Amino acid sequence: MYKISIFNQTDHKLPENKRIVRFCKQTLRILNVPESKFCELEIVFVSPQKIASYNRLYLKHKGSTDIISFPNANPDKSGPESLGSLMICPKYLDKYSLDTFQVIAHGLLHLNGYDHILQPKIWENKLNKLNYELSKIQF
């Protein structure tokens, strides 16, 4: 069972939570994350200032960005498995005309161990397959 928590710390209008949850569940199924395990995922929508501070602190990059993925570094084998957290900046998405769902898919790929910088061909293949499968589903 997937437990997906969504927190909007902005006044930005977002897609409905149930649409985001449905999208995440379908994406996780396509990525073969087993539903038999209890998996937790947290998605937090934040301001440009907040994501810029996290970007600087954790990634040593300057300025805001669309998304930062925080994989769970210390899974507790006795309890629910946390996939990690996604921190998303809606204003950044608007500024660059980025789709919320595509950005979430990007983050979920990262949380599942894929990296577009270290493994560009594997990333591209996985992203293309994911986009193809998701194109057949309505959210």
N, C-alpha and C. Protein backbone atom coordinates (compact mmCIF):
# COMPACT_ATOMS: atom_id res chain seq x y z
N MET A 1 0.85 -1.18 0.00
CA MET A 1 0.00 0.00 0.00
C MET A 1 0.89 1.24 0.00
N TYR A 2 0.55 2.18 -0.83
CA TYR A 2 1.29 3.43 -0.89
C TYR A 2 0.60 4.47 0.00
N LYS A 3 1.38 5.16 0.81
CA LYS A 3 0.86 6.29 1.58
C LYS A 3 1.54 7.54 1.03
N ILE A 4 0.75 8.39 0.42
CA ILE A 4 1.29 9.59 -0.22
C ILE A 4 0.72 10.82 0.49
N SER A 5 1.62 11.61 1.06
CA SER A 5 1.22 12.82 1.77
C SER A 5 1.63 14.04 0.95
N ILE A 6 0.71 14.98 0.82
CA ILE A 6 0.96 16.18 0.03
C ILE A 6 0.76 17.40 0.93
N PHE A 7 1.76 18.28 0.91
CA PHE A 7 1.71 19.49 1.71
C PHE A 7 1.97 20.68 0.80
N ASN A 8 1.04 21.62 0.78
CA ASN A 8 1.22 22.83 -0.01
C ASN A 8 1.52 23.97 0.94
N GLN A 9 2.77 24.39 0.97
CA GLN A 9 3.19 25.49 1.85
C GLN A 9 3.18 26.82 1.10
N THR A 10 2.47 26.86 -0.01
CA THR A 10 2.36 28.08 -0.81
C THR A 10 0.89 28.44 -0.97
N ASP A 11 0.62 29.59 -1.56
CA ASP A 11 -0.76 29.94 -1.88
C ASP A 11 -1.06 29.64 -3.35
N HIS A 12 -0.20 28.85 -3.95
CA HIS A 12 -0.30 28.51 -5.37
C HIS A 12 -1.40 27.49 -5.62
N LYS A 13 -2.14 27.68 -6.69
CA LYS A 13 -3.17 26.72 -7.09
C LYS A 13 -2.50 25.51 -7.72
N LEU A 14 -2.80 24.34 -7.20
CA LEU A 14 -2.19 23.09 -7.67
C LEU A 14 -3.27 22.15 -8.18
N PRO A 15 -2.86 21.12 -8.91
CA PRO A 15 -3.85 20.08 -9.24
C PRO A 15 -4.41 19.49 -7.95
N GLU A 16 -5.61 18.95 -8.01
CA GLU A 16 -6.23 18.35 -6.83
C GLU A 16 -5.33 17.26 -6.24
N ASN A 17 -5.32 17.17 -4.92
CA ASN A 17 -4.50 16.16 -4.25
C ASN A 17 -4.81 14.75 -4.75
N LYS A 18 -6.10 14.46 -4.97
CA LYS A 18 -6.45 13.10 -5.40
C LYS A 18 -5.88 12.79 -6.79
N ARG A 19 -5.77 13.79 -7.64
CA ARG A 19 -5.15 13.57 -8.95
C ARG A 19 -3.66 13.31 -8.81
N ILE A 20 -3.01 14.06 -7.91
CA ILE A 20 -1.58 13.86 -7.68
C ILE A 20 -1.33 12.47 -7.09
N VAL A 21 -2.15 12.08 -6.13
CA VAL A 21 -2.01 10.75 -5.51
C VAL A 21 -2.21 9.66 -6.55
N ARG A 22 -3.25 9.78 -7.36
CA ARG A 22 -3.51 8.78 -8.41
C ARG A 22 -2.33 8.69 -9.38
N PHE A 23 -1.80 9.84 -9.77
CA PHE A 23 -0.66 9.88 -10.67
C PHE A 23 0.55 9.18 -10.05
N CYS A 24 0.82 9.49 -8.79
CA CYS A 24 1.97 8.88 -8.10
C CYS A 24 1.81 7.37 -8.00
N LYS A 25 0.63 6.92 -7.65
CA LYS A 25 0.40 5.47 -7.52
C LYS A 25 0.62 4.76 -8.85
N GLN A 26 0.09 5.33 -9.92
CA GLN A 26 0.28 4.72 -11.24
C GLN A 26 1.75 4.74 -11.64
N THR A 27 2.43 5.83 -11.37
CA THR A 27 3.85 5.94 -11.71
C THR A 27 4.67 4.92 -10.93
N LEU A 28 4.39 4.77 -9.65
CA LEU A 28 5.11 3.80 -8.82
C LEU A 28 4.86 2.37 -9.31
N ARG A 29 3.63 2.08 -9.73
CA ARG A 29 3.34 0.75 -10.28
C ARG A 29 4.15 0.50 -11.55
N ILE A 30 4.20 1.50 -12.42
CA ILE A 30 4.97 1.36 -13.67
C ILE A 30 6.45 1.17 -13.36
N LEU A 31 6.93 1.82 -12.30
CA LEU A 31 8.33 1.69 -11.90
C LEU A 31 8.59 0.42 -11.08
N ASN A 32 7.57 -0.42 -10.96
CA ASN A 32 7.67 -1.70 -10.25
C ASN A 32 8.00 -1.57 -8.77
N VAL A 33 7.49 -0.52 -8.15
CA VAL A 33 7.60 -0.41 -6.69
C VAL A 33 6.46 -1.25 -6.13
N PRO A 34 6.77 -2.31 -5.40
CA PRO A 34 5.73 -3.25 -4.97
C PRO A 34 4.70 -2.61 -4.04
N GLU A 35 3.44 -2.88 -4.36
CA GLU A 35 2.35 -2.40 -3.50
C GLU A 35 2.21 -3.26 -2.26
N SER A 36 2.80 -4.43 -2.29
CA SER A 36 2.68 -5.34 -1.15
C SER A 36 3.38 -4.76 0.08
N LYS A 37 4.34 -3.90 -0.15
CA LYS A 37 5.01 -3.21 0.95
C LYS A 37 4.25 -1.93 1.25
N PHE A 38 4.34 -1.49 2.47
CA PHE A 38 3.75 -0.21 2.84
C PHE A 38 4.81 0.85 2.57
N CYS A 39 4.61 1.66 1.54
CA CYS A 39 5.60 2.66 1.14
C CYS A 39 5.05 4.07 1.37
N GLU A 40 5.88 4.91 1.94
CA GLU A 40 5.49 6.29 2.18
C GLU A 40 6.24 7.23 1.23
N LEU A 41 5.52 8.24 0.77
CA LEU A 41 6.08 9.28 -0.09
C LEU A 41 5.52 10.60 0.38
N GLU A 42 6.39 11.60 0.47
CA GLU A 42 5.97 12.93 0.88
C GLU A 42 6.28 13.90 -0.27
N ILE A 43 5.29 14.71 -0.63
CA ILE A 43 5.47 15.75 -1.64
C ILE A 43 5.15 17.09 -0.98
N VAL A 44 6.12 18.00 -1.03
CA VAL A 44 5.96 19.30 -0.38
C VAL A 44 6.15 20.39 -1.43
N PHE A 45 5.15 21.24 -1.57
CA PHE A 45 5.22 22.38 -2.49
C PHE A 45 5.66 23.59 -1.68
N VAL A 46 6.74 24.24 -2.14
CA VAL A 46 7.37 25.31 -1.36
C VAL A 46 7.62 26.56 -2.21
N SER A 47 8.00 27.62 -1.53
CA SER A 47 8.30 28.90 -2.18
C SER A 47 9.67 28.84 -2.87
N PRO A 48 9.93 29.78 -3.79
CA PRO A 48 11.25 29.85 -4.42
C PRO A 48 12.37 30.07 -3.39
N GLN A 49 12.10 30.85 -2.36
CA GLN A 49 13.11 31.10 -1.34
C GLN A 49 13.47 29.82 -0.57
N LYS A 50 12.45 29.05 -0.23
CA LYS A 50 12.69 27.83 0.54
C LYS A 50 13.45 26.80 -0.30
N ILE A 51 13.04 26.60 -1.55
CA ILE A 51 13.74 25.61 -2.37
C ILE A 51 15.16 26.07 -2.68
N ALA A 52 15.36 27.39 -2.81
CA ALA A 52 16.72 27.91 -3.04
C ALA A 52 17.61 27.63 -1.84
N SER A 53 17.06 27.76 -0.64
CA SER A 53 17.89 27.48 0.55
C SER A 53 18.23 26.00 0.65
N TYR A 54 17.29 25.13 0.33
CA TYR A 54 17.58 23.69 0.32
C TYR A 54 18.55 23.34 -0.81
N ASN A 55 18.39 23.98 -1.94
CA ASN A 55 19.28 23.75 -3.08
C ASN A 55 20.73 24.10 -2.71
N ARG A 56 20.89 25.20 -2.02
CA ARG A 56 22.21 25.64 -1.58
C ARG A 56 22.76 24.70 -0.50
N LEU A 57 21.93 24.38 0.49
CA LEU A 57 22.36 23.58 1.63
C LEU A 57 22.71 22.14 1.25
N TYR A 58 21.84 21.49 0.47
CA TYR A 58 22.01 20.06 0.19
C TYR A 58 22.72 19.75 -1.12
N LEU A 59 22.52 20.60 -2.13
CA LEU A 59 23.11 20.30 -3.44
C LEU A 59 24.25 21.25 -3.81
N LYS A 60 24.46 22.27 -2.98
CA LYS A 60 25.52 23.26 -3.21
C LYS A 60 25.32 24.00 -4.53
N HIS A 61 24.04 24.20 -4.92
CA HIS A 61 23.69 24.95 -6.12
C HIS A 61 23.09 26.28 -5.71
N LYS A 62 23.26 27.27 -6.55
CA LYS A 62 22.74 28.60 -6.26
C LYS A 62 21.38 28.79 -6.93
N GLY A 63 20.46 29.40 -6.22
CA GLY A 63 19.16 29.77 -6.79
C GLY A 63 18.10 28.70 -6.61
N SER A 64 16.90 29.04 -7.09
CA SER A 64 15.79 28.11 -6.98
C SER A 64 15.84 27.10 -8.12
N THR A 65 15.02 26.08 -8.01
CA THR A 65 14.94 25.02 -9.00
C THR A 65 13.52 24.47 -9.00
N ASP A 66 13.22 23.58 -9.92
CA ASP A 66 11.87 23.03 -9.99
C ASP A 66 11.60 21.99 -8.91
N ILE A 67 12.57 21.10 -8.69
CA ILE A 67 12.33 19.99 -7.76
C ILE A 67 13.66 19.55 -7.15
N ILE A 68 13.57 19.11 -5.91
CA ILE A 68 14.69 18.44 -5.25
C ILE A 68 14.13 17.13 -4.68
N SER A 69 14.83 16.05 -4.95
CA SER A 69 14.42 14.74 -4.46
C SER A 69 15.30 14.36 -3.28
N PHE A 70 14.67 13.88 -2.23
CA PHE A 70 15.38 13.43 -1.05
C PHE A 70 15.06 11.96 -0.83
N PRO A 71 15.88 11.06 -1.38
CA PRO A 71 15.63 9.63 -1.15
C PRO A 71 15.82 9.30 0.32
N ASN A 72 15.13 8.29 0.77
CA ASN A 72 15.30 7.85 2.16
C ASN A 72 16.66 7.19 2.28
N ALA A 73 17.52 7.78 3.08
CA ALA A 73 18.88 7.27 3.24
C ALA A 73 18.98 6.14 4.25
N ASN A 74 18.07 6.08 5.19
CA ASN A 74 18.13 5.08 6.26
C ASN A 74 16.80 4.37 6.42
N PRO A 75 16.44 3.48 5.49
CA PRO A 75 15.15 2.79 5.64
C PRO A 75 15.13 1.94 6.91
N ASP A 76 14.05 2.05 7.64
CA ASP A 76 13.86 1.24 8.84
C ASP A 76 13.17 -0.04 8.42
N LYS A 77 13.88 -1.15 8.48
CA LYS A 77 13.35 -2.42 7.99
C LYS A 77 12.17 -2.93 8.81
N SER A 78 11.97 -2.40 10.01
CA SER A 78 10.90 -2.91 10.87
C SER A 78 9.56 -2.23 10.60
N GLY A 79 9.58 -1.09 9.97
CA GLY A 79 8.34 -0.34 9.77
C GLY A 79 8.10 -0.06 8.31
N PRO A 80 7.25 0.93 8.05
CA PRO A 80 6.98 1.30 6.66
C PRO A 80 8.26 1.77 5.96
N GLU A 81 8.34 1.48 4.69
CA GLU A 81 9.50 1.93 3.91
C GLU A 81 9.19 3.30 3.33
N SER A 82 10.05 4.25 3.60
CA SER A 82 9.87 5.59 3.04
C SER A 82 10.65 5.67 1.74
N LEU A 83 9.94 6.02 0.66
CA LEU A 83 10.63 6.24 -0.60
C LEU A 83 11.44 7.52 -0.52
N GLY A 84 10.94 8.48 0.25
CA GLY A 84 11.61 9.76 0.39
C GLY A 84 10.64 10.90 0.21
N SER A 85 11.21 12.06 -0.09
CA SER A 85 10.42 13.28 -0.23
C SER A 85 10.77 14.00 -1.52
N LEU A 86 9.76 14.67 -2.05
CA LEU A 86 9.96 15.54 -3.20
C LEU A 86 9.59 16.96 -2.76
N MET A 87 10.49 17.89 -3.00
CA MET A 87 10.23 19.30 -2.72
C MET A 87 10.10 20.00 -4.08
N ILE A 88 8.95 20.62 -4.30
CA ILE A 88 8.64 21.21 -5.61
C ILE A 88 8.29 22.68 -5.44
N CYS A 89 8.76 23.49 -6.37
CA CYS A 89 8.48 24.93 -6.35
C CYS A 89 7.51 25.28 -7.49
N PRO A 90 6.22 25.46 -7.18
CA PRO A 90 5.23 25.76 -8.22
C PRO A 90 5.52 27.04 -9.01
N LYS A 91 6.06 28.06 -8.36
CA LYS A 91 6.36 29.31 -9.09
C LYS A 91 7.43 29.08 -10.15
N TYR A 92 8.39 28.24 -9.83
CA TYR A 92 9.43 27.90 -10.80
C TYR A 92 8.81 27.14 -11.98
N LEU A 93 7.88 26.22 -11.68
CA LEU A 93 7.21 25.48 -12.75
C LEU A 93 6.47 26.43 -13.68
N ASP A 94 5.76 27.40 -13.10
CA ASP A 94 5.04 28.37 -13.91
C ASP A 94 5.99 29.22 -14.74
N LYS A 95 7.05 29.67 -14.12
CA LYS A 95 8.01 30.55 -14.80
C LYS A 95 8.58 29.90 -16.06
N TYR A 96 8.82 28.58 -16.00
CA TYR A 96 9.42 27.86 -17.12
C TYR A 96 8.43 26.94 -17.84
N SER A 97 7.14 27.14 -17.58
CA SER A 97 6.07 26.36 -18.22
C SER A 97 6.29 24.85 -18.09
N LEU A 98 6.61 24.42 -16.89
CA LEU A 98 6.82 22.99 -16.64
C LEU A 98 5.54 22.38 -16.08
N ASP A 99 5.27 21.15 -16.47
CA ASP A 99 4.08 20.44 -16.04
C ASP A 99 4.32 19.79 -14.67
N THR A 100 3.42 20.03 -13.74
CA THR A 100 3.55 19.48 -12.39
C THR A 100 3.73 17.97 -12.41
N PHE A 101 2.96 17.27 -13.21
CA PHE A 101 3.02 15.81 -13.23
C PHE A 101 4.33 15.30 -13.82
N GLN A 102 4.83 15.98 -14.84
CA GLN A 102 6.13 15.57 -15.41
C GLN A 102 7.25 15.77 -14.41
N VAL A 103 7.16 16.85 -13.63
CA VAL A 103 8.18 17.11 -12.62
C VAL A 103 8.10 16.07 -11.50
N ILE A 104 6.89 15.68 -11.11
CA ILE A 104 6.73 14.63 -10.10
C ILE A 104 7.32 13.32 -10.63
N ALA A 105 7.04 12.98 -11.89
CA ALA A 105 7.61 11.76 -12.48
C ALA A 105 9.14 11.80 -12.44
N HIS A 106 9.69 12.95 -12.75
CA HIS A 106 11.14 13.15 -12.70
C HIS A 106 11.65 12.82 -11.29
N GLY A 107 10.99 13.38 -10.29
CA GLY A 107 11.40 13.14 -8.91
C GLY A 107 11.25 11.69 -8.50
N LEU A 108 10.18 11.03 -8.94
CA LEU A 108 9.98 9.62 -8.59
C LEU A 108 11.05 8.74 -9.23
N LEU A 109 11.49 9.10 -10.42
CA LEU A 109 12.61 8.36 -11.03
C LEU A 109 13.85 8.48 -10.14
N HIS A 110 14.14 9.69 -9.67
CA HIS A 110 15.29 9.88 -8.78
C HIS A 110 15.14 9.05 -7.50
N LEU A 111 13.95 9.06 -6.90
CA LEU A 111 13.75 8.32 -5.66
C LEU A 111 13.88 6.81 -5.86
N ASN A 112 13.76 6.37 -7.11
CA ASN A 112 13.91 4.96 -7.42
C ASN A 112 15.29 4.63 -7.97
N GLY A 113 16.23 5.54 -7.78
CA GLY A 113 17.62 5.25 -8.09
C GLY A 113 18.11 5.62 -9.47
N TYR A 114 17.30 6.29 -10.26
CA TYR A 114 17.72 6.68 -11.61
C TYR A 114 18.34 8.08 -11.56
N ASP A 115 19.35 8.30 -12.41
CA ASP A 115 20.05 9.58 -12.41
C ASP A 115 20.33 10.01 -13.85
N HIS A 116 19.80 11.16 -14.24
CA HIS A 116 19.96 11.62 -15.62
C HIS A 116 21.36 12.15 -15.91
N ILE A 117 22.13 12.45 -14.89
CA ILE A 117 23.50 12.93 -15.11
C ILE A 117 24.48 11.77 -15.20
N LEU A 118 24.35 10.82 -14.27
CA LEU A 118 25.29 9.69 -14.24
C LEU A 118 24.93 8.59 -15.24
N GLN A 119 23.64 8.45 -15.56
CA GLN A 119 23.18 7.39 -16.45
C GLN A 119 22.21 7.95 -17.49
N PRO A 120 22.65 8.84 -18.37
CA PRO A 120 21.71 9.52 -19.26
C PRO A 120 20.92 8.58 -20.18
N LYS A 121 21.54 7.54 -20.70
CA LYS A 121 20.83 6.63 -21.61
C LYS A 121 19.78 5.81 -20.86
N ILE A 122 20.15 5.30 -19.69
CA ILE A 122 19.20 4.53 -18.88
C ILE A 122 18.04 5.44 -18.47
N TRP A 123 18.36 6.67 -18.05
CA TRP A 123 17.33 7.64 -17.67
C TRP A 123 16.37 7.89 -18.83
N GLU A 124 16.93 8.18 -19.99
CA GLU A 124 16.10 8.48 -21.17
C GLU A 124 15.19 7.31 -21.52
N ASN A 125 15.73 6.10 -21.49
CA ASN A 125 14.91 4.92 -21.80
C ASN A 125 13.79 4.75 -20.78
N LYS A 126 14.10 4.90 -19.51
CA LYS A 126 13.11 4.73 -18.45
C LYS A 126 12.05 5.83 -18.54
N LEU A 127 12.49 7.07 -18.78
CA LEU A 127 11.55 8.18 -18.89
C LEU A 127 10.63 8.01 -20.09
N ASN A 128 11.17 7.58 -21.22
CA ASN A 128 10.34 7.35 -22.41
C ASN A 128 9.30 6.26 -22.15
N LYS A 129 9.72 5.16 -21.50
CA LYS A 129 8.79 4.08 -21.19
C LYS A 129 7.71 4.58 -20.23
N LEU A 130 8.14 5.31 -19.21
CA LEU A 130 7.21 5.85 -18.24
C LEU A 130 6.20 6.78 -18.90
N ASN A 131 6.67 7.71 -19.72
CA ASN A 131 5.77 8.64 -20.42
C ASN A 131 4.79 7.90 -21.32
N TYR A 132 5.26 6.87 -21.99
CA TYR A 132 4.38 6.07 -22.87
C TYR A 132 3.27 5.42 -22.05
N GLU A 133 3.65 4.77 -20.96
CA GLU A 133 2.66 4.09 -20.11
C GLU A 133 1.69 5.08 -19.48
N LEU A 134 2.20 6.21 -19.02
CA LEU A 134 1.35 7.22 -18.40
C LEU A 134 0.40 7.88 -19.40
N SER A 135 0.79 7.94 -20.66
CA SER A 135 -0.05 8.58 -21.68
C SER A 135 -1.35 7.79 -21.90
N LYS A 136 -1.38 6.54 -21.48
CA LYS A 136 -2.56 5.69 -21.66
C LYS A 136 -3.53 5.79 -20.49
N ILE A 137 -3.18 6.60 -19.48
CA ILE A 137 -3.97 6.66 -18.25
C ILE A 137 -4.49 8.08 -18.05
N GLN A 138 -5.72 8.20 -17.57
CA GLN A 138 -6.28 9.51 -17.24
C GLN A 138 -6.14 9.77 -15.75
N PHE A 139 -5.80 10.99 -15.41
CA PHE A 139 -5.67 11.36 -14.00
C PHE A 139 -6.69 12.40 -13.70
